C-alpha atoms as a PDB file:
ATOM      1  CA  MET A   1      -2.126  26.718   1.184  1.00  0.00           C
ATOM      2  CA  GLU A   2      -1.413  23.022   0.788  1.00  0.00           C
ATOM      3  CA  LYS A   3      -2.270  21.463  -2.553  1.00  0.00           C
ATOM      4  CA  THR A   4      -4.228  18.313  -3.114  1.00  0.00           C
ATOM      5  CA  SER A   5      -1.902  15.400  -3.789  1.00  0.00           C
ATOM      6  CA  SER A   6      -1.804  11.630  -3.792  1.00  0.00           C
ATOM      7  CA  TYR A   7       0.624   8.734  -3.862  1.00  0.00           C
ATOM      8  CA  THR A   8       0.364   4.983  -4.234  1.00  0.00           C
ATOM      9  CA  TYR A   9       2.340   2.002  -2.976  1.00  0.00           C
ATOM     10  CA  PHE A  10       2.279  -1.807  -2.896  1.00  0.00           C
ATOM     11  CA  ALA A  11       2.256  -3.699   0.402  1.00  0.00           C
ATOM     12  CA  ILE A  12       2.445  -7.286   1.564  1.00  0.00           C
ATOM     13  CA  LYS A  13       0.737  -7.742   4.931  1.00  0.00           C
ATOM     14  CA  SER A  14       0.100 -10.670   7.247  1.00  0.00           C
ATOM     15  CA  ASN A  15      -3.438 -11.990   7.328  1.00  0.00           C
ATOM     16  CA  GLY A  16      -4.766 -12.377  10.835  1.00  0.00           C
ATOM     17  CA  THR A  17      -7.464 -11.627  13.340  1.00  0.00           C
ATOM     18  CA  SER A  18      -8.571  -8.386  14.980  1.00  0.00           C
ATOM     19  CA  ASP A  19     -10.126  -9.887  18.110  1.00  0.00           C
ATOM     20  CA  SER A  20      -7.664  -8.168  20.494  1.00  0.00           C
ATOM     21  CA  GLY A  21      -5.714  -5.878  18.197  1.00  0.00           C
ATOM     22  CA  PHE A  22      -4.462  -7.168  14.871  1.00  0.00           C
ATOM     23  CA  VAL A  23      -2.495 -10.412  15.275  1.00  0.00           C
ATOM     24  CA  ALA A  24      -1.111 -12.390  12.345  1.00  0.00           C
ATOM     25  CA  PHE A  25      -2.050 -15.988  11.764  1.00  0.00           C
ATOM     26  CA  GLU A  26       1.013 -18.179  12.353  1.00  0.00           C
ATOM     27  CA  LYS A  27       1.503 -18.852   8.617  1.00  0.00           C
ATOM     28  CA  GLY A  28       1.237 -15.094   7.939  1.00  0.00           C
ATOM     29  CA  ILE A  29       4.390 -14.267   9.898  1.00  0.00           C
ATOM     30  CA  PHE A  30       7.257 -13.523   7.510  1.00  0.00           C
ATOM     31  CA  ASN A  31      10.668 -11.927   7.564  1.00  0.00           C
ATOM     32  CA  PRO A  32      10.588  -8.808   5.328  1.00  0.00           C
ATOM     33  CA  GLU A  33      14.213  -9.468   4.337  1.00  0.00           C
ATOM     34  CA  ASP A  34      13.073 -12.736   2.722  1.00  0.00           C
ATOM     35  CA  ILE A  35      10.513 -10.816   0.630  1.00  0.00           C
ATOM     36  CA  THR A  36      13.188  -8.286  -0.394  1.00  0.00           C
ATOM     37  CA  ARG A  37      15.506 -11.108  -1.418  1.00  0.00           C
ATOM     38  CA  VAL A  38      12.833 -12.914  -3.470  1.00  0.00           C
ATOM     39  CA  LEU A  39      11.516  -9.787  -5.234  1.00  0.00           C
ATOM     40  CA  GLU A  40      14.872  -7.974  -5.468  1.00  0.00           C
ATOM     41  CA  ILE A  41      13.058  -4.744  -4.603  1.00  0.00           C
ATOM     42  CA  GLN A  42      13.997  -2.592  -1.615  1.00  0.00           C
ATOM     43  CA  PRO A  43      11.034  -1.613   0.605  1.00  0.00           C
ATOM     44  CA  PHE A  44      10.622   1.939   1.891  1.00  0.00           C
ATOM     45  CA  ARG A  45       9.021   0.556   5.068  1.00  0.00           C
ATOM     46  CA  SER A  46       8.891  -2.901   6.625  1.00  0.00           C
ATOM     47  CA  TRP A  47       8.749  -4.696   9.934  1.00  0.00           C
ATOM     48  CA  ALA A  48       8.662  -8.246  11.201  1.00  0.00           C
ATOM     49  CA  TYR A  49       6.416  -9.833  13.791  1.00  0.00           C
ATOM     50  CA  GLY A  50       7.919  -8.942  17.179  1.00  0.00           C
ATOM     51  CA  ASP A  51       9.777  -5.816  16.006  1.00  0.00           C
ATOM     52  CA  LYS A  52       9.411  -2.840  18.361  1.00  0.00           C
ATOM     53  CA  ARG A  53       7.234   0.137  17.509  1.00  0.00           C
ATOM     54  CA  ILE A  54       8.286   3.681  18.401  1.00  0.00           C
ATOM     55  CA  ASP A  55       6.201   3.477  21.589  1.00  0.00           C
ATOM     56  CA  GLY A  56       7.992   0.271  22.686  1.00  0.00           C
ATOM     57  CA  SER A  57       5.110  -2.104  21.970  1.00  0.00           C
ATOM     58  CA  GLU A  58       5.622  -4.969  19.531  1.00  0.00           C
ATOM     59  CA  TYR A  59       4.164  -5.528  16.083  1.00  0.00           C
ATOM     60  CA  HIS A  60       1.981  -8.638  16.030  1.00  0.00           C
ATOM     61  CA  PHE A  61       2.080  -8.924  12.233  1.00  0.00           C
ATOM     62  CA  SER A  62       4.571  -8.490   9.398  1.00  0.00           C
ATOM     63  CA  ASN A  63       4.570  -5.809   6.709  1.00  0.00           C
ATOM     64  CA  TRP A  64       6.595  -5.040   3.569  1.00  0.00           C
ATOM     65  CA  SER A  65       5.806  -1.829   1.596  1.00  0.00           C
ATOM     66  CA  ALA A  66       7.554  -0.735  -1.601  1.00  0.00           C
ATOM     67  CA  GLU A  67       7.244   0.941  -4.984  1.00  0.00           C
ATOM     68  CA  GLU A  68       5.819   4.243  -3.775  1.00  0.00           C
ATOM     69  CA  SER A  69       4.782   6.509  -6.651  1.00  0.00           C
ATOM     70  CA  ASP A  70       3.704  10.148  -6.706  1.00  0.00           C
ATOM     71  CA  ILE A  71       3.976  10.611 -10.482  1.00  0.00           C
ATOM     72  CA  GLY A  72       1.578  13.341 -11.661  1.00  0.00           C
ATOM     73  CA  ARG A  73       0.410  14.731  -8.341  1.00  0.00           C
ATOM     74  CA  LEU A  74      -3.305  14.134  -9.112  1.00  0.00           C
ATOM     75  CA  ASP A  75      -3.173  11.227 -11.616  1.00  0.00           C
ATOM     76  CA  VAL A  76      -3.812   8.070  -9.565  1.00  0.00           C
ATOM     77  CA  GLU A  77      -3.878   5.885 -12.682  1.00  0.00           C
ATOM     78  CA  ALA A  78      -0.335   6.957 -13.604  1.00  0.00           C
ATOM     79  CA  GLN A  79       0.754   6.431  -9.994  1.00  0.00           C
ATOM     80  CA  CYS A  80      -0.701   2.900  -9.939  1.00  0.00           C
ATOM     81  CA  ARG A  81       1.078   2.078 -13.208  1.00  0.00           C
ATOM     82  CA  GLY A  82       4.303   3.438 -11.698  1.00  0.00           C
ATOM     83  CA  THR A  83       3.813   1.343  -8.557  1.00  0.00           C
ATOM     84  CA  ILE A  84       3.308  -1.935 -10.440  1.00  0.00           C
ATOM     85  CA  LYS A  85       5.939  -1.237 -13.129  1.00  0.00           C
ATOM     86  CA  ASN A  86       8.692  -3.239 -11.384  1.00  0.00           C
ATOM     87  CA  LEU A  87       6.253  -5.799  -9.963  1.00  0.00           C
ATOM     88  CA  LYS A  88       4.624  -6.925 -13.240  1.00  0.00           C
ATOM     89  CA  ASN A  89       7.570  -9.170 -14.100  1.00  0.00           C
ATOM     90  CA  LYS A  90       7.540 -10.617 -10.546  1.00  0.00           C
ATOM     91  CA  ILE A  91       4.098 -12.261 -10.719  1.00  0.00           C
ATOM     92  CA  PRO A  92       5.493 -15.838 -10.339  1.00  0.00           C
ATOM     93  CA  GLN A  93       7.507 -14.720  -7.274  1.00  0.00           C
ATOM     94  CA  LEU A  94       4.472 -12.949  -5.807  1.00  0.00           C
ATOM     95  CA  LYS A  95       2.344 -16.072  -6.291  1.00  0.00           C
ATOM     96  CA  GLY A  96       5.096 -18.076  -4.571  1.00  0.00           C
ATOM     97  CA  ILE A  97       5.031 -15.692  -1.608  1.00  0.00           C
ATOM     98  CA  LYS A  98       1.251 -16.147  -1.328  1.00  0.00           C
ATOM     99  CA  GLU A  99       1.653 -19.936  -1.430  1.00  0.00           C
ATOM    100  CA  GLN A 100       4.320 -19.872   1.276  1.00  0.00           C
ATOM    101  CA  TYR A 101       2.702 -17.323   3.608  1.00  0.00           C
ATOM    102  CA  ASP A 102      -0.826 -16.328   4.604  1.00  0.00           C
ATOM    103  CA  VAL A 103      -0.575 -12.735   3.324  1.00  0.00           C
ATOM    104  CA  SER A 104      -2.529 -10.076   1.474  1.00  0.00           C
ATOM    105  CA  PHE A 105      -1.286  -7.895  -1.351  1.00  0.00           C
ATOM    106  CA  VAL A 106      -2.601  -4.332  -1.328  1.00  0.00           C
ATOM    107  CA  LEU A 107      -2.243  -1.504  -3.818  1.00  0.00           C
ATOM    108  CA  THR A 108      -2.842   1.511  -1.570  1.00  0.00           C
ATOM    109  CA  ILE A 109      -3.893   4.943  -2.815  1.00  0.00           C
ATOM    110  CA  VAL A 110      -3.348   7.827  -0.378  1.00  0.00           C
ATOM    111  CA  PRO A 111      -5.026  11.070  -1.496  1.00  0.00           C
ATOM    112  CA  SER A 112      -4.780  14.216   0.641  1.00  0.00           C
ATOM    113  CA  ILE A 113      -7.526  16.562  -0.489  1.00  0.00           C
ATOM    114  CA  HIS A 114      -7.288  20.293   0.256  1.00  0.00           C
ATOM    115  CA  GLY A 115     -10.228  22.354  -0.961  1.00  0.00           C
ATOM    116  CA  GLU A 116     -12.077  21.423  -4.137  1.00  0.00           C
ATOM    117  CA  GLU A 117      -9.162  20.038  -6.154  1.00  0.00           C
ATOM    118  CA  GLN A 118      -9.482  16.253  -6.355  1.00  0.00           C
ATOM    119  CA  PRO A 119      -7.227  13.518  -7.701  1.00  0.00           C
ATOM    120  CA  TYR A 120      -8.338  11.660 -10.808  1.00  0.00           C
ATOM    121  CA  MET A 121      -8.900   7.997  -9.904  1.00  0.00           C
ATOM    122  CA  SER A 122      -9.109   5.449 -12.652  1.00  0.00           C
ATOM    123  CA  PHE A 123      -7.658   2.001 -13.270  1.00  0.00           C
ATOM    124  CA  ASN A 124      -6.632   0.886 -16.725  1.00  0.00           C
ATOM    125  CA  GLU A 125      -6.486  -2.701 -17.962  1.00  0.00           C
ATOM    126  CA  GLU A 126      -2.802  -3.054 -16.984  1.00  0.00           C
ATOM    127  CA  VAL A 127      -3.516  -2.247 -13.314  1.00  0.00           C
ATOM    128  CA  ILE A 128      -6.666  -4.382 -13.200  1.00  0.00           C
ATOM    129  CA  GLU A 129      -4.876  -7.352 -14.797  1.00  0.00           C
ATOM    130  CA  PHE A 130      -1.975  -7.124 -12.324  1.00  0.00           C
ATOM    131  CA  CYS A 131      -4.401  -7.017  -9.385  1.00  0.00           C
ATOM    132  CA  TYR A 132      -6.377  -9.943 -10.791  1.00  0.00           C
ATOM    133  CA  LEU A 133      -3.338 -12.135 -11.498  1.00  0.00           C
ATOM    134  CA  THR A 134      -1.789 -11.526  -8.068  1.00  0.00           C
ATOM    135  CA  GLY A 135      -4.956 -11.315  -5.966  1.00  0.00           C
ATOM    136  CA  THR A 136      -4.112  -7.729  -5.027  1.00  0.00           C
ATOM    137  CA  THR A 137      -6.825  -5.588  -3.475  1.00  0.00           C
ATOM    138  CA  ILE A 138      -7.042  -1.825  -3.938  1.00  0.00           C
ATOM    139  CA  SER A 139      -7.343   0.301  -0.810  1.00  0.00           C
ATOM    140  CA  VAL A 140      -7.941   4.059  -0.509  1.00  0.00           C
ATOM    141  CA  ASP A 141      -6.603   5.783   2.619  1.00  0.00           C
ATOM    142  CA  MET A 142      -8.113   9.261   2.140  1.00  0.00           C
ATOM    143  CA  TYR A 143      -7.392  12.464   4.052  1.00  0.00           C
ATOM    144  CA  ILE A 144      -9.693  15.465   3.585  1.00  0.00           C
ATOM    145  CA  TYR A 145      -8.786  18.881   4.976  1.00  0.00           C
ATOM    146  CA  GLN A 146     -10.920  22.009   5.260  1.00  0.00           C
ATOM    147  CA  LEU A 147      -9.698  25.191   3.691  1.00  0.00           C
ATOM    148  CA  GLU A 148      -8.130  27.641   6.149  1.00  0.00           C
ATOM    149  CA  ASN A 149     -10.063  30.620   4.787  1.00  0.00           C
ATOM    150  CA  LYS A 150     -13.650  30.163   6.059  1.00  0.00           C
ATOM    151  CA  SER A 151     -15.100  32.074   3.065  1.00  0.00           C
ATOM    152  CA  ASP A 152     -13.635  29.405   0.759  1.00  0.00           C
ATOM    153  CA  GLU A 153     -15.106  26.414   2.628  1.00  0.00           C
ATOM    154  CA  TRP A 154     -17.037  23.896   0.599  1.00  0.00           C
ATOM    155  CA  LEU A 155     -19.435  21.178   1.651  1.00  0.00           C
END
Protein backbone atom coordinates (compact mmCIF):
# COMPACT_ATOMS: atom_id res chain seq x y z
CA MET A 1 0.00 0.00 0.00
CA GLU A 2 1.29 3.44 -0.90
CA LYS A 3 1.91 5.84 1.96
CA THR A 4 0.72 9.39 2.20
CA SER A 5 3.50 11.79 1.26
CA SER A 6 4.09 15.36 0.18
CA TYR A 7 6.73 17.59 -1.34
CA THR A 8 7.12 21.29 -1.97
CA TYR A 9 8.89 23.42 -4.57
CA PHE A 10 9.30 27.03 -5.69
CA ALA A 11 8.34 28.12 -9.21
CA ILE A 12 8.57 31.24 -11.33
CA LYS A 13 5.84 31.31 -13.97
CA SER A 14 4.80 33.73 -16.69
CA ASN A 15 1.68 35.75 -16.02
CA GLY A 16 -0.76 35.65 -18.89
CA THR A 17 -4.26 34.99 -20.10
CA SER A 18 -6.30 31.80 -20.33
CA ASP A 19 -8.67 32.89 -23.10
CA SER A 20 -7.48 30.19 -25.56
CA GLY A 21 -5.16 28.08 -23.44
CA PHE A 22 -2.63 29.75 -21.18
CA VAL A 23 -0.53 32.32 -23.08
CA ALA A 24 2.07 34.53 -21.41
CA PHE A 25 1.88 38.28 -21.60
CA GLU A 26 4.79 39.56 -23.71
CA LYS A 27 6.68 40.90 -20.67
CA GLY A 28 6.18 37.54 -18.92
CA ILE A 29 8.27 35.63 -21.45
CA PHE A 30 11.69 34.81 -19.98
CA ASN A 31 14.61 32.52 -20.66
CA PRO A 32 14.93 30.06 -17.73
CA GLU A 33 18.72 30.11 -18.16
CA ASP A 34 18.68 33.82 -17.25
CA ILE A 35 16.82 33.01 -14.01
CA THR A 36 19.33 30.24 -13.21
CA ARG A 37 22.21 32.63 -13.81
CA VAL A 38 20.72 35.38 -11.61
CA LEU A 39 19.73 33.09 -8.72
CA GLU A 40 22.67 30.67 -9.05
CA ILE A 41 20.26 27.81 -8.36
CA GLN A 42 19.76 24.91 -10.76
CA PRO A 43 16.10 24.15 -11.57
CA PHE A 44 14.78 20.59 -11.61
CA ARG A 45 12.34 21.56 -14.37
CA SER A 46 12.11 24.54 -16.71
CA TRP A 47 11.02 25.56 -20.17
CA ALA A 48 10.95 28.68 -22.29
CA TYR A 49 8.15 30.12 -24.38
CA GLY A 50 8.20 28.20 -27.67
CA ASP A 51 9.93 25.08 -26.32
CA LYS A 52 8.35 21.81 -27.50
CA ARG A 53 6.25 19.65 -25.21
CA ILE A 54 6.43 15.86 -25.35
CA ASP A 55 3.38 15.82 -27.65
CA GLY A 56 5.06 18.23 -30.10
CA SER A 57 2.97 21.28 -29.21
CA GLU A 58 4.71 24.42 -27.97
CA TYR A 59 4.68 26.03 -24.54
CA HIS A 60 3.09 29.48 -24.68
CA PHE A 61 4.59 30.55 -21.34
CA SER A 62 7.86 30.21 -19.44
CA ASN A 63 8.48 28.24 -16.24
CA TRP A 64 11.38 27.75 -13.82
CA SER A 65 10.94 25.30 -10.88
CA ALA A 66 13.56 24.57 -8.23
CA GLU A 67 14.28 23.78 -4.59
CA GLU A 68 12.09 20.69 -4.31
CA SER A 69 11.87 19.39 -0.74
CA ASP A 70 10.42 16.18 0.67
CA ILE A 71 11.97 16.50 4.14
CA GLY A 72 9.82 14.69 6.73
CA ARG A 73 7.36 12.91 4.47
CA LEU A 74 4.29 14.46 6.18
CA ASP A 75 5.70 17.74 7.59
CA VAL A 76 4.79 20.44 5.04
CA GLU A 77 6.14 23.21 7.28
CA ALA A 78 9.60 21.61 7.30
CA GLN A 79 9.37 21.08 3.54
CA CYS A 80 8.48 24.75 2.95
CA ARG A 81 11.41 25.85 5.13
CA GLY A 82 13.66 23.51 3.12
CA THR A 83 12.35 24.93 -0.16
CA ILE A 84 13.00 28.57 0.79
CA LYS A 85 16.30 27.91 2.60
CA ASN A 86 18.48 28.82 -0.42
CA LEU A 87 16.05 31.49 -1.66
CA LYS A 88 15.88 33.63 1.51
CA ASN A 89 19.21 35.30 0.74
CA LYS A 90 18.09 35.91 -2.88
CA ILE A 91 15.19 38.27 -2.10
CA PRO A 92 16.81 41.28 -3.89
CA GLN A 93 17.42 39.11 -6.99
CA LEU A 94 13.85 37.77 -6.87
CA LYS A 95 12.47 41.32 -6.64
CA GLY A 96 14.66 42.24 -9.63
CA ILE A 97 13.21 39.35 -11.62
CA LYS A 98 9.68 40.55 -10.81
CA GLU A 99 10.59 44.09 -11.91
CA GLN A 100 12.06 42.85 -15.19
CA TYR A 101 9.39 40.28 -16.08
CA ASP A 102 5.65 39.89 -15.59
CA VAL A 103 5.86 36.70 -13.50
CA SER A 104 4.38 35.01 -10.46
CA PHE A 105 6.26 33.27 -7.68
CA VAL A 106 4.57 30.17 -6.29
CA LEU A 107 5.42 27.94 -3.35
CA THR A 108 3.66 24.72 -4.35
CA ILE A 109 2.69 21.96 -1.93
CA VAL A 110 1.93 18.57 -3.50
CA PRO A 111 0.36 16.10 -1.05
CA SER A 112 -0.60 12.59 -2.18
CA ILE A 113 -3.04 11.21 0.37
CA HIS A 114 -3.58 7.45 0.66
CA GLY A 115 -6.13 6.41 3.27
CA GLU A 116 -6.56 8.39 6.47
CA GLU A 117 -2.96 9.50 6.99
CA GLN A 118 -2.69 13.21 6.21
CA PRO A 119 0.24 15.61 5.96
CA TYR A 120 0.58 18.30 8.60
CA MET A 121 0.22 21.71 6.93
CA SER A 122 1.36 24.77 8.78
CA PHE A 123 3.38 27.87 7.91
CA ASN A 124 5.72 29.45 10.41
CA GLU A 125 6.77 33.10 10.48
CA GLU A 126 9.87 32.41 8.33
CA VAL A 127 7.78 31.00 5.45
CA ILE A 128 5.11 33.70 5.74
CA GLU A 129 7.73 36.47 5.80
CA PHE A 130 9.49 35.08 2.70
CA CYS A 131 6.17 34.87 0.83
CA TYR A 132 5.24 38.40 1.91
CA LEU A 133 8.59 39.96 0.98
CA THR A 134 8.70 38.30 -2.45
CA GLY A 135 4.99 38.34 -3.30
CA THR A 136 4.96 34.54 -3.41
CA THR A 137 1.61 32.77 -3.36
CA ILE A 138 1.08 29.34 -1.82
CA SER A 139 -0.61 26.70 -3.96
CA VAL A 140 -1.77 23.20 -2.99
CA ASP A 141 -1.89 20.58 -5.77
CA MET A 142 -3.57 17.71 -3.88
CA TYR A 143 -4.02 14.09 -4.94
CA ILE A 144 -6.37 11.85 -2.95
CA TYR A 145 -6.48 8.10 -3.54
CA GLN A 146 -8.97 5.53 -2.25
CA LEU A 147 -7.69 2.58 -0.32
CA GLU A 148 -7.46 -0.63 -2.35
CA ASN A 149 -9.14 -2.74 0.33
CA LYS A 150 -12.85 -1.79 0.17
CA SER A 151 -13.36 -2.63 3.88
CA ASP A 152 -10.82 0.08 4.76
CA GLU A 153 -12.46 2.84 2.69
CA TRP A 154 -13.18 6.11 4.43
CA LEU A 155 -15.42 8.99 3.47
